[in-house]
């Protein structure tokens, strides 16, 4: 079976770049929405307190301005016969009335007027506090939004970097990415065994297994100069565990396949397929050949052992290496790379077809011809070989 693997996968890189961009925009929207809610809450709280204070002040002022109840009048005396008139005393001099709160000419402050002034000053103070609170929240929101943050007066902010791991990369290839990103320490050593908190044995992996297959490809934010082990931790937790939790394993479990088996199948799909719609079809070919006890015949497994950048020799294709799936039945002993979510989902839930063979279709961009018939497979393989010789290289058009 031919191997359509190409060393670079621009489609995967572009897909990952878009995913990282969407995630960044989503986080920005959530953060701005949260800040807007806090600002609105602060304004509403201040307005409510202001309205309550105004109402209380009005009630007190109105209560003090109500006229006092008139005193009860004494009953008029019973009329008696008039007595002898006595000389009337001279009338007293008229008394000047005291100014009241309603006297238009009064300039002296009354008790009610003083209360109103006090409440007015309290309202002014409360309004000033509300304005200060809203201003403080707005300043925080501005500093966290699209505008540049203010220059810190305390310790310098941490500098971060983005590290992008393409789908299908091996541990060795990821080590090169980590080194180019300036991470410290050995990435291969950090990914040699599972750290505390990640139960590799629970996946069905052998006791001597490395983390190959579980180092989820994605874009990760790290502190500049961070140890390579930080990247490994993020790949296991933020990457693999967070994504694999949503993978439907029901079909795989019916075939008695473990998580480790599914990861291994996904790693082969990642190397064999470049057309997304073909992932479930290649998964079906692997399932069907496993069921029939036939060798998988996927050369990418042997390339994992000898190197993806070298052509396979006849002696290597005839070797008894456990990674030689032309001779040995079953899955290779380990994953041959680190698959992304699409490959994992296809490996856990293959298409419901009876295909057992696939060959690159000449004149296409790495599309395959799928068949369940061995004679059709031989004919497709002969067509591919003839196109390969005619072109003097790959007969694909990408």
Protein backbone atom coordinates (compact mmCIF):
# COMPACT_ATOMS: atom_id res chain seq x y z
CA UNK A 1 0.00 0.00 0.00
CA UNK A 2 1.46 3.38 -1.00
CA UNK A 3 2.24 6.12 1.48
CA UNK A 4 0.94 9.61 0.61
CA UNK A 5 2.60 11.23 3.60
CA UNK A 6 4.07 14.66 3.01
CA UNK A 7 6.50 16.18 5.50
CA UNK A 8 4.64 19.50 5.73
CA UNK A 9 0.94 19.94 6.32
CA UNK A 10 -0.01 23.57 5.56
CA UNK A 11 -3.68 22.71 5.93
CA UNK A 12 -3.15 21.59 9.52
CA UNK A 13 -1.06 24.68 10.31
CA UNK A 14 -3.70 26.99 8.85
CA UNK A 15 -6.47 25.14 10.68
CA UNK A 16 -4.60 25.47 13.97
CA UNK A 17 -3.88 29.15 13.35
CA UNK A 18 -7.57 29.84 12.77
CA UNK A 19 -8.55 27.85 15.87
CA UNK A 20 -6.10 29.84 18.00
CA UNK A 21 -7.42 33.11 16.53
CA UNK A 22 -11.05 32.16 17.26
CA UNK A 23 -10.15 31.19 20.82
CA UNK A 24 -8.34 34.53 21.37
CA UNK A 25 -11.34 36.49 20.03
CA UNK A 26 -13.75 34.46 22.21
CA UNK A 27 -11.73 35.18 25.35
CA UNK A 28 -11.58 38.88 24.48
CA UNK A 29 -15.37 39.04 24.03
CA UNK A 30 -16.00 37.26 27.35
CA UNK A 31 -13.60 39.56 29.21
CA UNK A 32 -15.16 42.73 27.74
CA UNK A 33 -18.68 41.43 28.46
CA UNK A 34 -17.72 40.72 32.10
CA UNK A 35 -16.23 44.20 32.55
CA UNK A 36 -19.31 45.82 30.98
CA UNK A 37 -21.56 43.96 33.42
CA UNK A 38 -19.48 45.13 36.38
CA UNK A 39 -19.60 48.77 35.20
CA UNK A 40 -23.37 48.58 34.68
CA UNK A 41 -23.79 47.03 38.13
CA UNK A 42 -21.76 49.78 39.79
CA UNK A 43 -23.74 52.53 38.03
CA UNK A 44 -27.08 50.91 38.89
CA UNK A 45 -26.04 50.47 42.55
CA UNK A 46 -24.96 54.09 42.86
CA UNK A 47 -28.17 55.30 41.17
CA UNK A 48 -30.33 53.22 43.51
CA UNK A 49 -28.62 54.57 46.60
CA UNK A 50 -28.97 58.12 45.28
CA UNK A 51 -32.68 57.71 44.60
CA UNK A 52 -33.24 56.23 48.05
CA UNK A 53 -31.42 59.11 49.74
CA UNK A 54 -33.41 61.70 47.75
CA UNK A 55 -36.72 60.11 48.74
CA UNK A 56 -35.74 59.97 52.41
CA UNK A 57 -34.68 63.62 52.32
CA UNK A 58 -37.93 64.69 50.69
CA UNK A 59 -39.99 62.81 53.29
CA UNK A 60 -38.16 64.43 56.21
CA UNK A 61 -38.45 67.93 54.76
CA UNK A 62 -42.14 67.47 54.00
CA UNK A 63 -42.78 66.19 57.53
CA UNK A 64 -41.14 69.24 59.08
CA UNK A 65 -43.05 71.69 56.87
CA UNK A 66 -46.53 70.39 57.84
CA UNK A 67 -48.41 73.03 60.00
CA UNK A 68 -48.85 72.06 63.67
CA UNK A 69 -52.38 71.07 64.71
CA UNK A 70 -54.54 73.96 65.96
CA UNK A 71 -55.01 73.98 69.76
CA UNK A 72 -58.50 73.16 71.01
CA UNK A 73 -60.58 76.23 71.76
CA UNK A 74 -61.89 76.74 75.28
CA UNK A 75 -65.68 76.63 75.57
CA UNK A 76 -67.37 80.02 75.53
CA UNK A 77 -68.59 81.17 78.94
CA UNK A 78 -72.30 81.08 79.71
CA UNK A 79 -73.90 84.51 79.29
CA UNK A 80 -74.63 86.30 82.54
CA UNK A 81 -76.45 89.50 83.30
CA UNK A 82 -74.18 92.45 82.75
CA UNK A 83 -72.59 93.88 85.81
CA UNK A 84 -72.01 97.47 86.53
CA UNK A 85 -69.61 98.88 84.03
CA UNK A 86 -66.12 99.51 85.21
CA UNK A 87 -63.67 101.78 83.58
CA UNK A 88 -61.82 99.83 80.86
CA UNK A 89 -58.03 99.63 81.17
CA UNK A 90 -55.99 101.08 78.35
CA UNK A 91 -55.33 98.53 75.57
CA UNK A 92 -51.82 96.96 75.48
CA UNK A 93 -49.47 97.99 72.69
CA UNK A 94 -49.67 95.73 69.61
CA UNK A 95 -47.05 92.91 69.42
CA UNK A 96 -45.07 92.30 66.25
CA UNK A 97 -45.63 88.76 64.84
CA UNK A 98 -42.66 86.41 64.78
CA UNK A 99 -41.43 85.56 61.28
CA UNK A 100 -42.43 82.09 60.12
CA UNK A 101 -40.89 79.74 57.52
CA UNK A 102 -43.46 81.00 55.01
CA UNK A 103 -42.87 84.73 55.65
CA UNK A 104 -41.70 86.17 52.35
CA UNK A 105 -39.62 88.86 53.98
CA UNK A 106 -37.84 86.59 56.44
CA UNK A 107 -34.05 86.29 55.99
CA UNK A 108 -33.37 84.31 59.13
CA UNK A 109 -32.73 80.57 58.50
CA UNK A 110 -35.38 78.33 59.96
CA UNK A 111 -34.97 74.86 61.42
CA UNK A 112 -36.61 73.24 58.39
CA UNK A 113 -34.37 75.09 55.98
CA UNK A 114 -31.26 73.89 57.86
CA UNK A 115 -32.40 70.24 57.58
CA UNK A 116 -32.85 70.56 53.84
CA UNK A 117 -29.37 71.98 53.45
CA UNK A 118 -27.86 69.09 55.40
CA UNK A 119 -29.62 66.52 53.23
CA UNK A 120 -28.59 68.37 50.10
CA UNK A 121 -24.92 68.24 51.17
CA UNK A 122 -25.24 64.51 51.90
CA UNK A 123 -26.66 63.88 48.45
CA UNK A 124 -23.81 65.80 46.86
CA UNK A 125 -21.27 63.69 48.75
CA UNK A 126 -23.03 60.45 47.78
CA UNK A 127 -23.09 61.51 44.12
CA UNK A 128 -19.38 62.29 44.22
CA UNK A 129 -18.63 58.83 45.65
CA UNK A 130 -20.72 57.19 42.93
CA UNK A 131 -18.85 59.08 40.21
CA UNK A 132 -15.51 58.04 41.71
CA UNK A 133 -16.61 54.37 41.82
CA UNK A 134 -17.77 54.38 38.20
CA UNK A 135 -14.58 56.11 37.12
CA UNK A 136 -12.44 53.51 38.88
CA UNK A 137 -14.31 50.59 37.23
CA UNK A 138 -14.12 52.29 33.83
CA UNK A 139 -10.37 52.75 34.25
CA UNK A 140 -9.96 49.04 35.01
CA UNK A 141 -12.10 48.11 31.99
CA UNK A 142 -10.06 50.34 29.72
CA UNK A 143 -6.82 48.84 30.93
CA UNK A 144 -8.08 45.31 30.13
CA UNK A 145 -9.68 46.11 26.80
CA UNK A 146 -8.19 46.83 23.39
CA UNK A 147 -6.35 49.93 24.59
CA UNK A 148 -2.75 49.41 25.71
CA UNK A 149 -2.44 48.77 29.47
CA UNK A 150 -0.89 51.46 31.65
CA UNK A 151 2.80 51.26 32.35
CA UNK A 152 3.18 49.15 35.51
CA UNK A 153 4.70 50.86 38.48
CA UNK A 154 5.50 47.64 40.30
CA UNK A 155 7.38 44.56 39.10
CA UNK A 156 7.69 44.09 35.34
CA UNK A 157 4.97 42.01 33.66
CA UNK A 158 5.81 38.50 32.50
CA UNK A 159 6.69 38.07 28.84
CA UNK A 160 4.88 35.20 27.15
CA UNK A 161 5.33 33.34 23.88
CA UNK A 162 3.04 31.23 21.70
CA UNK A 163 4.24 27.73 20.83
CA UNK A 164 2.40 25.98 17.98
CA UNK A 165 2.66 22.19 17.63
CA UNK A 166 1.39 20.82 14.27
CA UNK A 167 -0.79 17.72 14.14
CA UNK A 168 1.01 14.42 13.70
CA UNK A 169 4.42 15.56 14.97
CA UNK A 170 6.52 13.05 16.89
CA UNK A 171 8.21 13.72 20.21
CA UNK A 172 11.50 14.26 18.38
CA UNK A 173 9.94 16.81 16.02
CA UNK A 174 8.25 18.59 18.94
CA UNK A 175 11.61 18.79 20.72
CA UNK A 176 12.87 20.88 17.80
CA UNK A 177 9.87 23.24 18.09
CA UNK A 178 10.44 23.63 21.84
CA UNK A 179 14.12 24.42 21.30
CA UNK A 180 13.37 27.00 18.60
CA UNK A 181 10.86 28.64 20.95
CA UNK A 182 13.58 29.13 23.57
CA UNK A 183 12.22 26.72 26.15
CA UNK A 184 14.80 25.40 28.59
CA UNK A 185 15.67 21.80 29.37
CA UNK A 186 15.17 18.66 27.29
CA UNK A 187 11.71 18.22 25.82
CA UNK A 188 12.34 14.57 24.96
CA UNK A 189 13.37 13.85 28.55
CA UNK A 190 10.34 15.71 29.92
CA UNK A 191 8.03 13.64 27.68
CA UNK A 192 9.74 10.32 28.32
CA UNK A 193 7.44 9.33 31.18
CA UNK A 194 4.11 10.51 32.53
CA UNK A 195 4.22 13.25 35.19
CA UNK A 196 2.33 12.95 38.45
CA UNK A 197 -1.37 13.35 37.88
CA UNK A 198 -1.49 11.79 34.40
CA UNK A 199 -2.36 8.09 34.56
CA UNK A 200 -0.81 6.65 31.42
CA UNK A 201 -1.33 3.06 32.59
CA UNK A 202 -5.10 3.64 32.71
CA UNK A 203 -5.10 4.14 28.93
CA UNK A 204 -3.84 0.59 28.36
CA UNK A 205 -0.28 1.68 27.59
CA UNK A 206 2.57 -0.75 28.35
CA UNK A 207 4.72 -0.08 31.40
CA UNK A 208 7.66 1.24 29.37
CA UNK A 209 5.57 3.55 27.16
CA UNK A 210 6.53 7.18 26.62
CA UNK A 211 4.03 10.01 26.18
CA UNK A 212 4.12 9.60 22.40
CA UNK A 213 0.56 10.00 21.13
CA UNK A 214 -0.69 12.03 24.12
CA UNK A 215 1.22 15.27 23.45
CA UNK A 216 -1.75 17.09 21.98
CA UNK A 217 -0.97 19.39 19.02
CA UNK A 218 -2.24 22.95 19.50
CA UNK A 219 -1.03 26.48 20.27
CA UNK A 220 0.04 27.10 23.88
CA UNK A 221 0.89 30.27 25.79
CA UNK A 222 4.03 29.95 27.92
CA UNK A 223 6.30 32.24 29.85
CA UNK A 224 9.34 33.17 27.83
CA UNK A 225 12.21 30.84 28.73
CA UNK A 226 9.92 28.41 30.59
CA UNK A 227 11.10 24.81 31.05
CA UNK A 228 10.05 22.33 28.37
CA UNK A 229 8.18 20.37 31.04
CA UNK A 230 5.64 23.24 31.23
CA UNK A 231 4.76 22.64 27.59
CA UNK A 232 4.41 18.90 28.21
CA UNK A 233 2.06 19.55 31.16
CA UNK A 234 -0.14 21.84 29.08
CA UNK A 235 -0.27 19.33 26.22
CA UNK A 236 -1.49 16.62 28.58
CA UNK A 237 -4.03 18.64 30.59
CA UNK A 238 -5.22 21.58 28.47
CA UNK A 239 -4.71 19.54 25.30
CA UNK A 240 -5.29 15.79 25.45
CA UNK A 241 -7.45 15.41 28.55
CA UNK A 242 -9.65 18.42 27.74
CA UNK A 243 -10.26 17.23 24.15
CA UNK A 244 -10.40 13.46 24.55
CA UNK A 245 -13.15 13.72 27.18
CA UNK A 246 -15.56 14.50 24.35
CA UNK A 247 -14.54 11.60 22.07
CA UNK A 248 -17.19 8.88 21.65
CA UNK A 249 -15.46 5.59 22.47
CA UNK A 250 -18.53 3.35 22.16
CA UNK A 251 -17.61 1.85 18.77
CA UNK A 252 -14.00 1.25 19.82
CA UNK A 253 -15.03 -0.46 23.06
CA UNK A 254 -17.25 -2.86 21.11
CA UNK A 255 -14.05 -3.99 19.34
CA UNK A 256 -12.24 -4.29 22.70
CA UNK A 257 -9.92 -1.43 21.80
CA UNK A 258 -8.33 0.61 24.59
CA UNK A 259 -7.65 4.34 24.66
CA UNK A 260 -4.03 3.53 23.83
CA UNK A 261 -5.17 1.52 20.78
CA UNK A 262 -7.36 4.38 19.57
CA UNK A 263 -4.51 6.88 19.99
CA UNK A 264 -2.24 4.54 18.00
CA UNK A 265 -4.81 4.22 15.18
CA UNK A 266 -5.30 8.00 15.18
CA UNK A 267 -1.55 8.55 14.84
CA UNK A 268 -1.54 6.38 11.69
CA UNK A 269 -4.54 8.24 10.26
CA UNK A 270 -2.75 11.54 10.89
CA UNK A 271 0.22 10.36 8.80
CA UNK A 272 -1.78 8.67 6.02
CA UNK A 273 -4.55 11.20 5.37
CA UNK A 274 -4.39 14.75 4.05
CA UNK A 275 -8.01 15.02 2.88
CA UNK A 276 -10.23 15.47 5.98
CA UNK A 277 -13.24 13.51 4.69
CA UNK A 278 -11.04 10.40 4.27
CA UNK A 279 -10.15 10.05 7.96
CA UNK A 280 -13.16 7.85 8.88
CA UNK A 281 -12.59 5.78 5.71
CA UNK A 282 -8.96 4.99 6.56
CA UNK A 283 -10.06 4.20 10.12
CA UNK A 284 -12.58 1.71 8.67
CA UNK A 285 -9.83 0.03 6.59
CA UNK A 286 -7.72 -0.41 9.76
CA UNK A 287 -10.66 -1.81 11.76
CA UNK A 288 -11.63 -4.23 8.98
CA UNK A 289 -8.11 -5.56 8.51
CA UNK A 290 -7.68 -5.98 12.26
CA UNK A 291 -10.94 -7.94 12.39
CA UNK A 292 -9.74 -10.25 9.57
CA UNK A 293 -6.28 -10.70 11.13
CA UNK A 294 -4.53 -9.23 8.08
CA UNK A 295 -1.39 -7.05 8.17
CA UNK A 296 -2.25 -3.36 7.94
CA UNK A 297 0.40 -2.69 5.29
CA UNK A 298 0.89 0.95 6.35
CA UNK A 299 4.45 1.99 5.58
CA UNK A 300 4.24 5.05 7.84
CA UNK A 301 4.68 2.76 10.85
CA UNK A 302 8.08 1.60 9.57
CA UNK A 303 9.04 5.15 8.63
CA UNK A 304 8.47 6.14 12.27
CA UNK A 305 11.27 3.77 13.25
CA UNK A 306 13.79 4.54 10.47
CA UNK A 307 12.93 8.18 9.80
CA UNK A 308 10.23 9.95 7.81
CA UNK A 309 12.71 11.83 5.67
CA UNK A 310 14.31 8.72 4.18
CA UNK A 311 12.95 6.35 1.49
CA UNK A 312 12.35 2.79 2.63
CA UNK A 313 14.68 0.10 1.29
CA UNK A 314 13.73 -3.43 0.28
CA UNK A 315 15.61 -4.86 3.25
CA UNK A 316 13.68 -2.59 5.64
CA UNK A 317 10.37 -3.59 4.08
CA UNK A 318 11.30 -7.24 4.66
CA UNK A 319 12.62 -6.77 8.19
CA UNK A 320 10.91 -8.33 11.20
CA UNK A 321 10.68 -5.03 13.04
CA UNK A 322 7.52 -4.78 15.18
CA UNK A 323 6.80 -1.51 13.31
CA UNK A 324 6.76 -3.34 9.95
CA UNK A 325 3.00 -3.68 9.40
CA UNK A 326 3.56 -5.28 6.00
CA UNK A 327 4.62 -8.45 7.77
CA UNK A 328 3.24 -8.26 11.31
CA UNK A 329 -0.45 -8.30 12.09
CA UNK A 330 -2.10 -6.03 14.62
CA UNK A 331 -1.15 -2.50 15.64
CA UNK A 332 2.42 -1.21 15.97
CA UNK A 333 3.76 -1.27 19.55
CA UNK A 334 3.34 2.49 20.07
CA UNK A 335 1.69 5.50 18.43
CA UNK A 336 3.77 6.88 15.55
CA UNK A 337 3.01 10.53 16.29
CA UNK A 338 0.66 12.79 18.20
CA UNK A 339 -2.78 13.08 16.58
CA UNK A 340 -5.23 15.96 16.72
CA UNK A 341 -8.90 15.83 17.66
CA UNK A 342 -10.24 15.04 14.17
CA UNK A 343 -8.01 11.97 13.84
CA UNK A 344 -8.90 10.82 17.37
CA UNK A 345 -12.62 11.06 16.65
CA UNK A 346 -12.23 9.13 13.38
CA UNK A 347 -10.14 6.44 15.09
CA UNK A 348 -12.79 5.98 17.78
CA UNK A 349 -15.73 6.01 15.36
CA UNK A 350 -14.81 4.75 11.84
CA UNK A 351 -17.10 4.88 8.81
CA UNK A 352 -19.49 1.97 8.38
CA UNK A 353 -17.97 0.60 5.15
CA UNK A 354 -16.29 -2.67 4.13
CA UNK A 355 -13.16 -1.11 2.57
CA UNK A 356 -9.89 -2.95 3.12
CA UNK A 357 -7.56 -1.19 0.65
CA UNK A 358 -6.73 2.34 -0.47
CA UNK A 359 -4.29 3.76 -3.04
CA UNK A 360 -3.43 7.34 -4.01
CA UNK A 361 -5.47 8.51 -6.97
CA UNK A 362 -3.21 10.04 -9.67
CA UNK A 363 -4.02 13.58 -10.79
CA UNK A 364 -5.51 14.57 -7.43
CA UNK A 365 -4.17 16.32 -4.34
CA UNK A 366 -3.46 13.20 -2.26
CA UNK A 367 -6.96 11.74 -2.58
CA UNK A 368 -7.33 7.96 -2.42
CA UNK A 369 -9.23 5.25 -4.20
CA UNK A 370 -10.95 2.95 -1.65
CA UNK A 371 -12.11 -0.59 -2.34
CA UNK A 372 -13.00 -3.85 -0.62
CA UNK A 373 -11.93 -5.98 -3.61
CA UNK A 374 -8.33 -7.17 -3.84
CA UNK A 375 -8.28 -7.24 -7.66
CA UNK A 376 -9.54 -3.63 -7.80
CA UNK A 377 -6.80 -2.72 -5.36
CA UNK A 378 -4.15 -4.29 -7.61
CA UNK A 379 -5.51 -2.40 -10.62
CA UNK A 380 -5.50 0.92 -8.74
CA UNK A 381 -2.00 0.24 -7.49
CA UNK A 382 -0.78 -0.49 -11.05
CA UNK A 383 -2.34 2.76 -12.25
CA UNK A 384 -0.58 4.69 -9.54
CA UNK A 385 2.77 3.03 -10.27
CA UNK A 386 2.50 3.83 -13.98
CA UNK A 387 1.71 7.48 -13.24
CA UNK A 388 4.60 7.61 -10.79
CA UNK A 389 7.06 6.40 -13.42
CA UNK A 390 5.64 8.69 -16.08
CA UNK A 391 5.92 11.76 -13.87
CA UNK A 392 9.31 10.78 -12.48
CA UNK A 393 7.91 11.49 -9.04
CA UNK A 394 4.63 11.89 -7.21
CA UNK A 395 1.69 11.98 -9.70
CA UNK A 396 -0.40 14.20 -7.44
CA UNK A 397 -1.40 17.80 -8.20
CA UNK A 398 -1.18 19.95 -5.08
